[in-house]
Amino acid sequence: MFEVDGRENKIYCQNLCLLAKLFLDHKTLYFDVEPFMFYVLTEVDRQGCHLVGYFSKEKESPDGNNLACILTLPPFQRKGYGKFLIAFSYELSKREMSIGSPEKPLSDLGKLGYRSYWSWVLLEILRDFKGSISIKDLSQMTSIMQGDIISTLQTMNMVKYWKGQHVICVTPKLVDEYIKSAQYRRPSLMVDVSCLKWGPPRKIVRSTKKLSSSLS
């Protein structure tokens, strides 16, 4: 995995975006890459590193997006790389101590990938957690935005709206049934956080000095 700054490697990142445009109909941004970081996933052999996919992320997102665009090249799809990139984006959010969500709207494949990832993460926690747990607790544990958690639990009939708030309603049997189904199986590729040597970039605080002039 490589981290590439859109400002420092503008041509390379523009080429990545143009490549993505070939496979993503909704892809519109391919020249203004400076506000983005790109995380490039490769396969490595004796000849070197070969691109299999990437995702981009705004350096500063006012909407709390932790992913702007994601692509797995067609020859490498259905190998777990897409979910790996999604999981990696959330591991970065955890290091930033922030809550994130992908930029909307998602493509059809993007919706499937994210729904599967969110479901697996939430089911793993609900299976092992003892006692009561709230939507906010799940969000803080996973860095997944509360709205994404609610919509995911709704598809599994695990949340109800009661007295003005969403409440998780599950039984161990229901969680086990979903975990055993092929739709919510464990991702084939996992992020080894012990190998992640990364910290959030320092934010540059720009101070403005007021210049005053006096008339004599």
N, C-alpha and C. Protein backbone atom coordinates (compact mmCIF):
# COMPACT_ATOMS: atom_id res chain seq x y z
N MET A 1 0.85 -1.19 0.00
CA MET A 1 0.00 0.00 0.00
C MET A 1 0.89 1.25 0.00
N PHE A 2 0.57 2.17 -0.90
CA PHE A 2 1.32 3.41 -1.00
C PHE A 2 0.39 4.60 -0.74
N GLU A 3 0.89 5.59 -0.01
CA GLU A 3 0.17 6.84 0.19
C GLU A 3 0.78 7.88 -0.75
N VAL A 4 -0.07 8.49 -1.58
CA VAL A 4 0.39 9.44 -2.59
C VAL A 4 -0.36 10.76 -2.40
N ASP A 5 0.39 11.84 -2.31
CA ASP A 5 -0.19 13.17 -2.13
C ASP A 5 -0.54 13.76 -3.49
N GLY A 6 -1.80 14.14 -3.66
CA GLY A 6 -2.23 14.71 -4.94
C GLY A 6 -1.55 16.01 -5.28
N ARG A 7 -1.06 16.72 -4.29
CA ARG A 7 -0.36 17.97 -4.54
C ARG A 7 1.07 17.72 -5.02
N GLU A 8 1.72 16.74 -4.41
CA GLU A 8 3.13 16.49 -4.72
C GLU A 8 3.31 15.59 -5.95
N ASN A 9 2.28 14.80 -6.27
CA ASN A 9 2.37 13.88 -7.41
C ASN A 9 1.14 14.05 -8.29
N LYS A 10 0.99 15.25 -8.81
CA LYS A 10 -0.25 15.65 -9.48
C LYS A 10 -0.53 14.82 -10.74
N ILE A 11 0.47 14.65 -11.60
CA ILE A 11 0.26 13.92 -12.86
C ILE A 11 -0.12 12.47 -12.61
N TYR A 12 0.60 11.84 -11.67
CA TYR A 12 0.31 10.43 -11.36
C TYR A 12 -1.13 10.28 -10.85
N CYS A 13 -1.56 11.16 -9.97
CA CYS A 13 -2.90 11.06 -9.40
C CYS A 13 -3.98 11.38 -10.45
N GLN A 14 -3.69 12.32 -11.34
CA GLN A 14 -4.63 12.60 -12.43
C GLN A 14 -4.78 11.38 -13.33
N ASN A 15 -3.67 10.69 -13.58
CA ASN A 15 -3.74 9.48 -14.40
C ASN A 15 -4.55 8.38 -13.70
N LEU A 16 -4.42 8.29 -12.37
CA LEU A 16 -5.23 7.33 -11.63
C LEU A 16 -6.72 7.62 -11.81
N CYS A 17 -7.08 8.89 -11.71
CA CYS A 17 -8.48 9.29 -11.85
C CYS A 17 -8.99 9.03 -13.27
N LEU A 18 -8.17 9.30 -14.26
CA LEU A 18 -8.58 9.03 -15.64
C LEU A 18 -8.75 7.53 -15.88
N LEU A 19 -7.89 6.74 -15.26
CA LEU A 19 -8.04 5.29 -15.35
C LEU A 19 -9.35 4.84 -14.71
N ALA A 20 -9.68 5.41 -13.56
CA ALA A 20 -10.93 5.07 -12.88
C ALA A 20 -12.14 5.45 -13.71
N LYS A 21 -12.02 6.55 -14.47
CA LYS A 21 -13.13 7.02 -15.30
C LYS A 21 -13.54 5.97 -16.33
N LEU A 22 -12.63 5.11 -16.73
CA LEU A 22 -12.94 4.06 -17.70
C LEU A 22 -13.91 3.03 -17.13
N PHE A 23 -13.95 2.90 -15.80
CA PHE A 23 -14.75 1.84 -15.18
C PHE A 23 -15.85 2.38 -14.27
N LEU A 24 -15.82 3.67 -13.95
CA LEU A 24 -16.83 4.26 -13.06
C LEU A 24 -17.60 5.34 -13.82
N ASP A 25 -18.86 5.10 -14.09
CA ASP A 25 -19.66 6.04 -14.87
C ASP A 25 -19.85 7.37 -14.15
N HIS A 26 -19.92 7.32 -12.82
CA HIS A 26 -20.20 8.53 -12.05
C HIS A 26 -18.95 9.34 -11.73
N LYS A 27 -17.79 8.86 -12.16
CA LYS A 27 -16.54 9.54 -11.86
C LYS A 27 -16.47 10.86 -12.64
N THR A 28 -16.36 11.99 -11.92
CA THR A 28 -16.34 13.30 -12.57
C THR A 28 -15.07 14.08 -12.30
N LEU A 29 -14.38 13.78 -11.21
CA LEU A 29 -13.19 14.54 -10.85
C LEU A 29 -11.94 13.84 -11.36
N TYR A 30 -11.17 14.52 -12.20
CA TYR A 30 -9.90 13.93 -12.60
C TYR A 30 -8.79 14.94 -12.79
N PHE A 31 -9.01 16.20 -12.54
CA PHE A 31 -7.94 17.18 -12.68
C PHE A 31 -7.61 17.87 -11.36
N ASP A 32 -8.62 18.14 -10.55
CA ASP A 32 -8.39 18.83 -9.28
C ASP A 32 -8.04 17.80 -8.20
N VAL A 33 -6.81 17.31 -8.22
CA VAL A 33 -6.41 16.24 -7.30
C VAL A 33 -5.63 16.75 -6.09
N GLU A 34 -5.26 18.00 -6.08
CA GLU A 34 -4.42 18.51 -5.00
C GLU A 34 -5.04 18.40 -3.61
N PRO A 35 -6.37 18.54 -3.45
CA PRO A 35 -6.94 18.41 -2.10
C PRO A 35 -7.07 16.97 -1.59
N PHE A 36 -6.55 16.00 -2.34
CA PHE A 36 -6.78 14.59 -2.01
C PHE A 36 -5.48 13.84 -1.73
N MET A 37 -5.62 12.81 -0.89
CA MET A 37 -4.59 11.80 -0.73
C MET A 37 -5.07 10.54 -1.42
N PHE A 38 -4.15 9.81 -2.01
CA PHE A 38 -4.50 8.58 -2.73
C PHE A 38 -3.78 7.40 -2.06
N TYR A 39 -4.52 6.33 -1.84
CA TYR A 39 -3.97 5.14 -1.21
C TYR A 39 -4.03 4.00 -2.23
N VAL A 40 -2.86 3.62 -2.70
CA VAL A 40 -2.74 2.73 -3.86
C VAL A 40 -2.33 1.33 -3.40
N LEU A 41 -3.16 0.35 -3.76
CA LEU A 41 -2.92 -1.04 -3.39
C LEU A 41 -2.28 -1.77 -4.56
N THR A 42 -1.23 -2.52 -4.28
CA THR A 42 -0.52 -3.23 -5.35
C THR A 42 -0.28 -4.69 -4.97
N GLU A 43 -0.08 -5.49 -6.01
CA GLU A 43 0.46 -6.84 -5.84
C GLU A 43 1.95 -6.77 -6.17
N VAL A 44 2.75 -7.52 -5.43
CA VAL A 44 4.20 -7.44 -5.58
C VAL A 44 4.75 -8.78 -6.06
N ASP A 45 5.60 -8.72 -7.09
CA ASP A 45 6.32 -9.91 -7.52
C ASP A 45 7.76 -9.51 -7.86
N ARG A 46 8.48 -10.35 -8.54
CA ARG A 46 9.89 -10.07 -8.84
C ARG A 46 10.07 -8.88 -9.77
N GLN A 47 9.04 -8.59 -10.55
CA GLN A 47 9.13 -7.46 -11.48
C GLN A 47 8.78 -6.13 -10.82
N GLY A 48 8.21 -6.17 -9.62
CA GLY A 48 7.88 -4.93 -8.93
C GLY A 48 6.46 -4.91 -8.40
N CYS A 49 5.92 -3.71 -8.26
CA CYS A 49 4.57 -3.51 -7.71
C CYS A 49 3.59 -3.22 -8.84
N HIS A 50 2.45 -3.90 -8.81
CA HIS A 50 1.47 -3.78 -9.89
C HIS A 50 0.13 -3.33 -9.30
N LEU A 51 -0.40 -2.26 -9.85
CA LEU A 51 -1.64 -1.66 -9.36
C LEU A 51 -2.81 -2.63 -9.45
N VAL A 52 -3.56 -2.76 -8.36
CA VAL A 52 -4.79 -3.55 -8.38
C VAL A 52 -6.02 -2.69 -8.02
N GLY A 53 -5.78 -1.58 -7.31
CA GLY A 53 -6.89 -0.71 -6.93
C GLY A 53 -6.39 0.45 -6.10
N TYR A 54 -7.31 1.36 -5.80
CA TYR A 54 -6.95 2.51 -4.96
C TYR A 54 -8.21 3.15 -4.40
N PHE A 55 -8.01 3.99 -3.39
CA PHE A 55 -9.08 4.90 -3.00
C PHE A 55 -8.48 6.27 -2.71
N SER A 56 -9.29 7.29 -2.90
CA SER A 56 -8.86 8.65 -2.61
C SER A 56 -9.63 9.18 -1.42
N LYS A 57 -9.04 10.16 -0.76
CA LYS A 57 -9.60 10.70 0.48
C LYS A 57 -9.27 12.18 0.56
N GLU A 58 -10.26 12.99 0.86
CA GLU A 58 -10.02 14.42 1.03
C GLU A 58 -9.12 14.66 2.23
N LYS A 59 -8.17 15.57 2.08
CA LYS A 59 -7.30 15.91 3.21
C LYS A 59 -8.10 16.54 4.34
N GLU A 60 -9.05 17.36 3.99
CA GLU A 60 -9.95 17.95 4.98
C GLU A 60 -11.37 17.92 4.40
N SER A 61 -12.21 17.07 4.97
CA SER A 61 -13.57 16.92 4.45
C SER A 61 -14.57 17.59 5.40
N PRO A 62 -15.27 18.62 4.96
CA PRO A 62 -16.26 19.26 5.82
C PRO A 62 -17.44 18.35 6.14
N ASP A 63 -17.67 17.33 5.31
CA ASP A 63 -18.79 16.41 5.52
C ASP A 63 -18.40 15.15 6.28
N GLY A 64 -17.13 15.05 6.68
CA GLY A 64 -16.68 13.88 7.42
C GLY A 64 -16.48 12.65 6.56
N ASN A 65 -16.23 12.84 5.26
CA ASN A 65 -16.01 11.70 4.37
C ASN A 65 -14.59 11.15 4.55
N ASN A 66 -14.49 9.85 4.73
CA ASN A 66 -13.16 9.23 4.83
C ASN A 66 -12.76 8.52 3.54
N LEU A 67 -13.60 8.63 2.52
CA LEU A 67 -13.29 8.05 1.21
C LEU A 67 -14.09 8.79 0.15
N ALA A 68 -13.38 9.19 -0.92
CA ALA A 68 -14.03 9.95 -1.99
C ALA A 68 -14.33 9.06 -3.19
N CYS A 69 -13.35 8.25 -3.60
CA CYS A 69 -13.51 7.38 -4.76
C CYS A 69 -12.76 6.08 -4.50
N ILE A 70 -13.34 4.96 -4.91
CA ILE A 70 -12.69 3.67 -4.73
C ILE A 70 -12.81 2.87 -6.02
N LEU A 71 -11.73 2.19 -6.37
CA LEU A 71 -11.72 1.38 -7.59
C LEU A 71 -10.87 0.14 -7.39
N THR A 72 -11.41 -1.00 -7.78
CA THR A 72 -10.63 -2.23 -7.94
C THR A 72 -10.66 -2.57 -9.42
N LEU A 73 -9.51 -2.69 -10.04
CA LEU A 73 -9.47 -2.98 -11.47
C LEU A 73 -10.16 -4.33 -11.76
N PRO A 74 -10.90 -4.41 -12.88
CA PRO A 74 -11.69 -5.62 -13.18
C PRO A 74 -10.95 -6.95 -13.07
N PRO A 75 -9.69 -7.06 -13.51
CA PRO A 75 -9.02 -8.37 -13.39
C PRO A 75 -8.78 -8.83 -11.96
N PHE A 76 -8.90 -7.88 -11.01
CA PHE A 76 -8.59 -8.20 -9.62
C PHE A 76 -9.83 -8.16 -8.71
N GLN A 77 -11.01 -8.07 -9.31
CA GLN A 77 -12.24 -8.06 -8.52
C GLN A 77 -12.58 -9.46 -8.03
N ARG A 78 -13.41 -9.50 -6.98
CA ARG A 78 -13.83 -10.75 -6.35
C ARG A 78 -12.67 -11.49 -5.70
N LYS A 79 -11.67 -10.72 -5.26
CA LYS A 79 -10.54 -11.29 -4.54
C LYS A 79 -10.41 -10.69 -3.13
N GLY A 80 -11.36 -9.84 -2.77
CA GLY A 80 -11.32 -9.25 -1.43
C GLY A 80 -10.62 -7.92 -1.35
N TYR A 81 -10.11 -7.41 -2.48
CA TYR A 81 -9.36 -6.16 -2.45
C TYR A 81 -10.26 -4.95 -2.14
N GLY A 82 -11.50 -4.97 -2.66
CA GLY A 82 -12.40 -3.85 -2.42
C GLY A 82 -12.70 -3.67 -0.94
N LYS A 83 -13.06 -4.76 -0.27
CA LYS A 83 -13.34 -4.69 1.17
C LYS A 83 -12.08 -4.35 1.96
N PHE A 84 -10.93 -4.79 1.47
CA PHE A 84 -9.68 -4.44 2.13
C PHE A 84 -9.46 -2.93 2.09
N LEU A 85 -9.72 -2.32 0.94
CA LEU A 85 -9.57 -0.87 0.82
C LEU A 85 -10.56 -0.14 1.72
N ILE A 86 -11.80 -0.64 1.79
CA ILE A 86 -12.80 -0.05 2.68
C ILE A 86 -12.34 -0.14 4.13
N ALA A 87 -11.90 -1.32 4.52
CA ALA A 87 -11.43 -1.52 5.90
C ALA A 87 -10.24 -0.62 6.21
N PHE A 88 -9.35 -0.46 5.24
CA PHE A 88 -8.17 0.38 5.43
C PHE A 88 -8.58 1.84 5.67
N SER A 89 -9.60 2.31 4.94
CA SER A 89 -10.05 3.69 5.12
C SER A 89 -10.56 3.92 6.54
N TYR A 90 -11.20 2.91 7.12
CA TYR A 90 -11.71 3.05 8.49
C TYR A 90 -10.59 2.93 9.52
N GLU A 91 -9.56 2.17 9.21
CA GLU A 91 -8.41 2.11 10.13
C GLU A 91 -7.71 3.47 10.19
N LEU A 92 -7.67 4.18 9.05
CA LEU A 92 -7.10 5.53 9.06
C LEU A 92 -7.98 6.46 9.91
N SER A 93 -9.31 6.31 9.80
CA SER A 93 -10.21 7.13 10.61
C SER A 93 -10.01 6.88 12.09
N LYS A 94 -9.77 5.61 12.45
CA LYS A 94 -9.52 5.29 13.86
C LYS A 94 -8.24 5.97 14.35
N ARG A 95 -7.21 6.00 13.52
CA ARG A 95 -5.96 6.67 13.89
C ARG A 95 -6.17 8.18 14.02
N GLU A 96 -7.09 8.70 13.23
CA GLU A 96 -7.41 10.13 13.30
C GLU A 96 -8.38 10.44 14.43
N MET A 97 -8.91 9.37 15.06
CA MET A 97 -9.91 9.50 16.13
C MET A 97 -11.11 10.28 15.61
N SER A 98 -11.60 9.87 14.43
CA SER A 98 -12.72 10.54 13.80
C SER A 98 -13.73 9.51 13.31
N ILE A 99 -14.94 9.98 13.01
CA ILE A 99 -16.00 9.14 12.46
C ILE A 99 -16.11 9.45 10.98
N GLY A 100 -16.16 8.42 10.15
CA GLY A 100 -16.13 8.66 8.71
C GLY A 100 -17.24 7.93 7.96
N SER A 101 -17.41 8.37 6.71
CA SER A 101 -18.39 7.76 5.82
C SER A 101 -17.93 8.00 4.39
N PRO A 102 -18.25 7.09 3.48
CA PRO A 102 -17.86 7.33 2.08
C PRO A 102 -18.69 8.45 1.46
N GLU A 103 -18.10 9.10 0.48
CA GLU A 103 -18.83 10.17 -0.23
C GLU A 103 -20.02 9.56 -0.96
N LYS A 104 -21.15 10.21 -0.85
CA LYS A 104 -22.37 9.75 -1.49
C LYS A 104 -22.61 10.56 -2.78
N PRO A 105 -23.35 10.01 -3.77
CA PRO A 105 -23.94 8.66 -3.75
C PRO A 105 -22.92 7.59 -4.11
N LEU A 106 -23.17 6.39 -3.64
CA LEU A 106 -22.32 5.25 -3.96
C LEU A 106 -22.80 4.58 -5.24
N SER A 107 -21.87 3.97 -5.96
CA SER A 107 -22.26 3.16 -7.12
C SER A 107 -22.93 1.89 -6.61
N ASP A 108 -23.53 1.13 -7.52
CA ASP A 108 -24.20 -0.11 -7.12
C ASP A 108 -23.21 -1.09 -6.49
N LEU A 109 -22.03 -1.21 -7.11
CA LEU A 109 -21.01 -2.10 -6.53
C LEU A 109 -20.51 -1.56 -5.20
N GLY A 110 -20.41 -0.23 -5.12
CA GLY A 110 -19.97 0.39 -3.87
C GLY A 110 -20.94 0.12 -2.74
N LYS A 111 -22.24 0.21 -3.03
CA LYS A 111 -23.25 -0.07 -2.03
C LYS A 111 -23.15 -1.50 -1.51
N LEU A 112 -22.96 -2.43 -2.43
CA LEU A 112 -22.84 -3.83 -2.04
C LEU A 112 -21.62 -4.06 -1.17
N GLY A 113 -20.50 -3.47 -1.57
CA GLY A 113 -19.26 -3.64 -0.81
C GLY A 113 -19.35 -3.05 0.59
N TYR A 114 -19.86 -1.85 0.67
CA TYR A 114 -19.96 -1.19 1.98
C TYR A 114 -20.98 -1.88 2.87
N ARG A 115 -22.14 -2.24 2.30
CA ARG A 115 -23.16 -2.91 3.12
C ARG A 115 -22.63 -4.20 3.69
N SER A 116 -21.89 -4.95 2.89
CA SER A 116 -21.31 -6.21 3.35
C SER A 116 -20.27 -5.96 4.44
N TYR A 117 -19.43 -4.95 4.25
CA TYR A 117 -18.40 -4.65 5.25
C TYR A 117 -19.01 -4.17 6.56
N TRP A 118 -19.93 -3.20 6.45
CA TRP A 118 -20.58 -2.69 7.67
C TRP A 118 -21.28 -3.81 8.43
N SER A 119 -21.99 -4.68 7.71
CA SER A 119 -22.72 -5.76 8.35
C SER A 119 -21.78 -6.68 9.10
N TRP A 120 -20.68 -7.05 8.46
CA TRP A 120 -19.74 -7.96 9.11
C TRP A 120 -19.14 -7.34 10.37
N VAL A 121 -18.73 -6.08 10.28
CA VAL A 121 -18.12 -5.40 11.45
C VAL A 121 -19.11 -5.34 12.60
N LEU A 122 -20.35 -4.95 12.33
CA LEU A 122 -21.34 -4.81 13.38
C LEU A 122 -21.73 -6.16 13.97
N LEU A 123 -21.87 -7.19 13.13
CA LEU A 123 -22.22 -8.52 13.64
C LEU A 123 -21.12 -9.08 14.52
N GLU A 124 -19.88 -8.84 14.18
CA GLU A 124 -18.77 -9.32 15.00
C GLU A 124 -18.83 -8.71 16.40
N ILE A 125 -19.13 -7.43 16.47
CA ILE A 125 -19.22 -6.76 17.77
C ILE A 125 -20.43 -7.25 18.55
N LEU A 126 -21.58 -7.32 17.90
CA LEU A 126 -22.81 -7.74 18.58
C LEU A 126 -22.72 -9.18 19.07
N ARG A 127 -21.97 -10.01 18.36
CA ARG A 127 -21.82 -11.41 18.78
C ARG A 127 -21.04 -11.52 20.08
N ASP A 128 -19.99 -10.72 20.22
CA ASP A 128 -19.10 -10.84 21.37
C ASP A 128 -19.43 -9.91 22.53
N PHE A 129 -20.29 -8.90 22.26
CA PHE A 129 -20.55 -7.89 23.30
C PHE A 129 -21.60 -8.40 24.28
N LYS A 130 -21.34 -8.18 25.56
CA LYS A 130 -22.28 -8.58 26.61
C LYS A 130 -22.89 -7.31 27.21
N GLY A 131 -24.21 -7.30 27.34
CA GLY A 131 -24.87 -6.14 27.91
C GLY A 131 -25.51 -5.30 26.82
N SER A 132 -25.91 -4.09 27.18
CA SER A 132 -26.56 -3.20 26.22
C SER A 132 -25.52 -2.34 25.51
N ILE A 133 -25.85 -1.97 24.29
CA ILE A 133 -24.95 -1.15 23.49
C ILE A 133 -25.79 -0.23 22.62
N SER A 134 -25.33 0.99 22.42
CA SER A 134 -26.08 1.98 21.66
C SER A 134 -25.47 2.20 20.27
N ILE A 135 -26.22 2.89 19.43
CA ILE A 135 -25.72 3.25 18.11
C ILE A 135 -24.45 4.10 18.25
N LYS A 136 -24.47 5.03 19.19
CA LYS A 136 -23.31 5.90 19.41
C LYS A 136 -22.09 5.08 19.83
N ASP A 137 -22.31 4.08 20.69
CA ASP A 137 -21.19 3.22 21.13
C ASP A 137 -20.58 2.50 19.92
N LEU A 138 -21.43 1.94 19.07
CA LEU A 138 -20.93 1.24 17.88
C LEU A 138 -20.15 2.18 16.97
N SER A 139 -20.64 3.41 16.83
CA SER A 139 -19.97 4.39 15.98
C SER A 139 -18.58 4.72 16.52
N GLN A 140 -18.47 4.90 17.82
CA GLN A 140 -17.18 5.22 18.42
C GLN A 140 -16.21 4.04 18.35
N MET A 141 -16.73 2.83 18.40
CA MET A 141 -15.89 1.64 18.36
C MET A 141 -15.37 1.36 16.95
N THR A 142 -16.16 1.70 15.94
CA THR A 142 -15.85 1.30 14.57
C THR A 142 -15.44 2.45 13.66
N SER A 143 -15.70 3.70 14.09
CA SER A 143 -15.49 4.91 13.26
C SER A 143 -16.48 4.97 12.09
N ILE A 144 -17.54 4.16 12.14
CA ILE A 144 -18.59 4.20 11.13
C ILE A 144 -19.64 5.22 11.55
N MET A 145 -20.08 6.06 10.64
CA MET A 145 -21.05 7.09 10.95
C MET A 145 -22.39 6.47 11.40
N GLN A 146 -23.05 7.13 12.34
CA GLN A 146 -24.27 6.57 12.91
C GLN A 146 -25.34 6.29 11.86
N GLY A 147 -25.49 7.17 10.88
CA GLY A 147 -26.49 6.95 9.84
C GLY A 147 -26.24 5.67 9.06
N ASP A 148 -24.96 5.36 8.80
CA ASP A 148 -24.62 4.12 8.09
C ASP A 148 -24.90 2.90 8.96
N ILE A 149 -24.68 3.03 10.26
CA ILE A 149 -24.95 1.92 11.18
C ILE A 149 -26.45 1.65 11.24
N ILE A 150 -27.25 2.71 11.35
CA ILE A 150 -28.70 2.55 11.44
C ILE A 150 -29.26 1.90 10.18
N SER A 151 -28.84 2.38 9.01
CA SER A 151 -29.36 1.82 7.76
C SER A 151 -28.96 0.35 7.60
N THR A 152 -27.75 0.00 8.05
CA THR A 152 -27.29 -1.39 7.95
C THR A 152 -28.08 -2.29 8.89
N LEU A 153 -28.29 -1.85 10.13
CA LEU A 153 -29.05 -2.66 11.08
C LEU A 153 -30.51 -2.78 10.66
N GLN A 154 -31.04 -1.76 9.99
CA GLN A 154 -32.42 -1.82 9.52
C GLN A 154 -32.60 -2.92 8.47
N THR A 155 -31.60 -3.12 7.63
CA THR A 155 -31.71 -4.17 6.61
C THR A 155 -31.72 -5.56 7.23
N MET A 156 -31.21 -5.68 8.47
CA MET A 156 -31.19 -6.96 9.18
C MET A 156 -32.26 -7.03 10.27
N ASN A 157 -33.15 -6.02 10.31
CA ASN A 157 -34.22 -5.98 11.32
C ASN A 157 -33.67 -6.05 12.74
N MET A 158 -32.61 -5.29 12.98
CA MET A 158 -31.98 -5.30 14.30
C MET A 158 -32.08 -3.96 15.04
N VAL A 159 -32.90 -3.07 14.53
CA VAL A 159 -33.04 -1.77 15.19
C VAL A 159 -34.50 -1.32 15.10
N LYS A 160 -34.96 -0.68 16.17
CA LYS A 160 -36.31 -0.14 16.22
C LYS A 160 -36.27 1.32 16.65
N TYR A 161 -37.27 2.07 16.20
CA TYR A 161 -37.37 3.48 16.58
C TYR A 161 -38.33 3.57 17.76
N TRP A 162 -37.81 4.01 18.91
CA TRP A 162 -38.60 4.02 20.15
C TRP A 162 -38.31 5.28 20.94
N LYS A 163 -39.36 6.01 21.25
CA LYS A 163 -39.27 7.24 22.03
C LYS A 163 -38.26 8.24 21.45
N GLY A 164 -38.33 8.40 20.13
CA GLY A 164 -37.52 9.42 19.49
C GLY A 164 -36.09 9.04 19.19
N GLN A 165 -35.73 7.76 19.37
CA GLN A 165 -34.36 7.35 19.06
C GLN A 165 -34.34 5.90 18.57
N HIS A 166 -33.26 5.58 17.88
CA HIS A 166 -33.09 4.22 17.38
C HIS A 166 -32.47 3.34 18.46
N VAL A 167 -33.08 2.19 18.70
CA VAL A 167 -32.64 1.27 19.74
C VAL A 167 -32.32 -0.08 19.10
N ILE A 168 -31.17 -0.64 19.45
CA ILE A 168 -30.76 -1.94 18.92
C ILE A 168 -31.54 -3.05 19.62
N CYS A 169 -32.16 -3.92 18.84
CA CYS A 169 -32.94 -5.04 19.37
C CYS A 169 -32.49 -6.33 18.69
N VAL A 170 -31.64 -7.09 19.36
CA VAL A 170 -31.10 -8.32 18.78
C VAL A 170 -31.09 -9.43 19.82
N THR A 171 -31.02 -10.65 19.33
CA THR A 171 -30.83 -11.81 20.19
C THR A 171 -29.59 -12.56 19.69
N PRO A 172 -28.91 -13.28 20.57
CA PRO A 172 -27.73 -14.04 20.13
C PRO A 172 -28.04 -14.99 18.98
N LYS A 173 -29.25 -15.56 18.98
CA LYS A 173 -29.63 -16.49 17.92
C LYS A 173 -29.72 -15.79 16.58
N LEU A 174 -30.31 -14.58 16.57
CA LEU A 174 -30.43 -13.82 15.32
C LEU A 174 -29.06 -13.43 14.78
N VAL A 175 -28.16 -13.00 15.65
CA VAL A 175 -26.81 -12.63 15.23
C VAL A 175 -26.09 -13.83 14.63
N ASP A 176 -26.20 -15.00 15.29
CA ASP A 176 -25.54 -16.21 14.80
C ASP A 176 -26.07 -16.63 13.43
N GLU A 177 -27.37 -16.47 13.22
CA GLU A 177 -27.96 -16.84 11.93
C GLU A 177 -27.38 -15.99 10.80
N TYR A 178 -27.21 -14.70 11.05
CA TYR A 178 -26.65 -13.83 10.02
C TYR A 178 -25.17 -14.12 9.80
N ILE A 179 -24.44 -14.38 10.87
CA ILE A 179 -23.00 -14.64 10.74
C ILE A 179 -22.75 -15.92 9.95
N LYS A 180 -23.60 -16.90 10.11
CA LYS A 180 -23.43 -18.18 9.41
C LYS A 180 -23.81 -18.11 7.93
N SER A 181 -24.57 -17.08 7.55
CA SER A 181 -24.98 -16.96 6.15
C SER A 181 -23.81 -16.49 5.29
N ALA A 182 -23.78 -16.92 4.04
CA ALA A 182 -22.66 -16.60 3.14
C ALA A 182 -22.56 -15.11 2.86
N GLN A 183 -23.68 -14.40 2.97
CA GLN A 183 -23.70 -12.98 2.65
C GLN A 183 -22.87 -12.15 3.62
N TYR A 184 -22.70 -12.64 4.85
CA TYR A 184 -22.01 -11.86 5.87
C TYR A 184 -20.74 -12.55 6.35
N ARG A 185 -20.13 -13.30 5.48
CA ARG A 185 -18.94 -14.03 5.88
C ARG A 185 -17.75 -13.09 6.09
N ARG A 186 -16.78 -13.58 6.83
CA ARG A 186 -15.57 -12.82 7.14
C ARG A 186 -14.82 -12.47 5.86
N PRO A 187 -14.33 -11.21 5.72
CA PRO A 187 -13.57 -10.84 4.52
C PRO A 187 -12.34 -11.73 4.36
N SER A 188 -12.00 -12.04 3.12
CA SER A 188 -10.86 -12.92 2.86
C SER A 188 -9.54 -12.23 3.14
N LEU A 189 -9.50 -10.90 3.04
CA LEU A 189 -8.29 -10.14 3.33
C LEU A 189 -8.57 -9.19 4.49
N MET A 190 -7.71 -9.22 5.49
CA MET A 190 -7.89 -8.37 6.67
C MET A 190 -6.72 -7.39 6.79
N VAL A 191 -6.98 -6.24 7.38
CA VAL A 191 -5.92 -5.27 7.62
C VAL A 191 -5.21 -5.63 8.92
N ASP A 192 -3.92 -5.88 8.84
CA ASP A 192 -3.11 -6.15 10.02
C ASP A 192 -2.66 -4.81 10.60
N VAL A 193 -3.38 -4.34 11.62
CA VAL A 193 -3.11 -2.99 12.15
C VAL A 193 -1.73 -2.89 12.78
N SER A 194 -1.14 -4.02 13.16
CA SER A 194 0.20 -3.97 13.74
C SER A 194 1.25 -3.57 12.70
N CYS A 195 0.90 -3.72 11.42
CA CYS A 195 1.81 -3.35 10.33
C CYS A 195 1.54 -1.94 9.81
N LEU A 196 0.53 -1.29 10.35
CA LEU A 196 0.17 0.04 9.87
C LEU A 196 0.98 1.10 10.61
N LYS A 197 1.97 1.64 9.93
CA LYS A 197 2.83 2.68 10.50
C LYS A 197 2.40 4.02 9.91
N TRP A 198 1.42 4.61 10.52
CA TRP A 198 0.81 5.82 9.95
C TRP A 198 0.24 6.68 11.06
N GLY A 199 0.33 7.97 10.87
CA GLY A 199 -0.30 8.91 11.78
C GLY A 199 -0.95 10.02 10.97
N PRO A 200 -2.00 10.63 11.50
CA PRO A 200 -2.66 11.71 10.75
C PRO A 200 -1.73 12.88 10.53
N PRO A 201 -1.79 13.48 9.36
CA PRO A 201 -0.92 14.64 9.08
C PRO A 201 -1.26 15.80 9.99
N ARG A 202 -0.26 16.56 10.30
CA ARG A 202 -0.49 17.73 11.14
C ARG A 202 -1.22 18.80 10.35
N LYS A 203 -2.24 19.33 10.95
CA LYS A 203 -2.99 20.39 10.29
C LYS A 203 -2.26 21.71 10.42
N ILE A 204 -2.14 22.38 9.29
CA ILE A 204 -1.44 23.66 9.27
C ILE A 204 -2.42 24.76 9.67
N VAL A 205 -2.09 25.43 10.73
CA VAL A 205 -2.93 26.53 11.20
C VAL A 205 -2.41 27.82 10.59
N ARG A 206 -3.24 28.39 9.77
CA ARG A 206 -2.84 29.63 9.11
C ARG A 206 -3.34 30.82 9.91
N SER A 207 -2.43 31.63 10.35
CA SER A 207 -2.79 32.82 11.12
C SER A 207 -2.65 34.04 10.24
N THR A 208 -3.58 34.93 10.37
CA THR A 208 -3.54 36.16 9.58
C THR A 208 -3.25 37.32 10.51
N LYS A 209 -2.32 38.12 10.11
CA LYS A 209 -1.96 39.29 10.89
C LYS A 209 -2.59 40.52 10.26
N LYS A 210 -3.27 41.24 11.08
CA LYS A 210 -3.90 42.44 10.61
C LYS A 210 -2.89 43.58 10.52
N LEU A 211 -2.82 44.14 9.37
CA LEU A 211 -1.89 45.24 9.16
C LEU A 211 -2.65 46.55 9.33
N SER A 212 -2.17 47.36 10.19
CA SER A 212 -2.83 48.63 10.42
C SER A 212 -1.93 49.76 9.96
N SER A 213 -2.51 50.74 9.40
CA SER A 213 -1.75 51.91 8.96
C SER A 213 -2.35 53.14 9.58
N SER A 214 -1.53 54.05 9.91
CA SER A 214 -1.98 55.28 10.52
C SER A 214 -1.66 56.47 9.62
N LEU A 215 -2.55 57.37 9.57
CA LEU A 215 -2.34 58.57 8.78
C LEU A 215 -1.80 59.68 9.66
N SER A 216 -0.78 60.27 9.24
CA SER A 216 -0.20 61.36 10.00
C SER A 216 -0.39 62.68 9.28
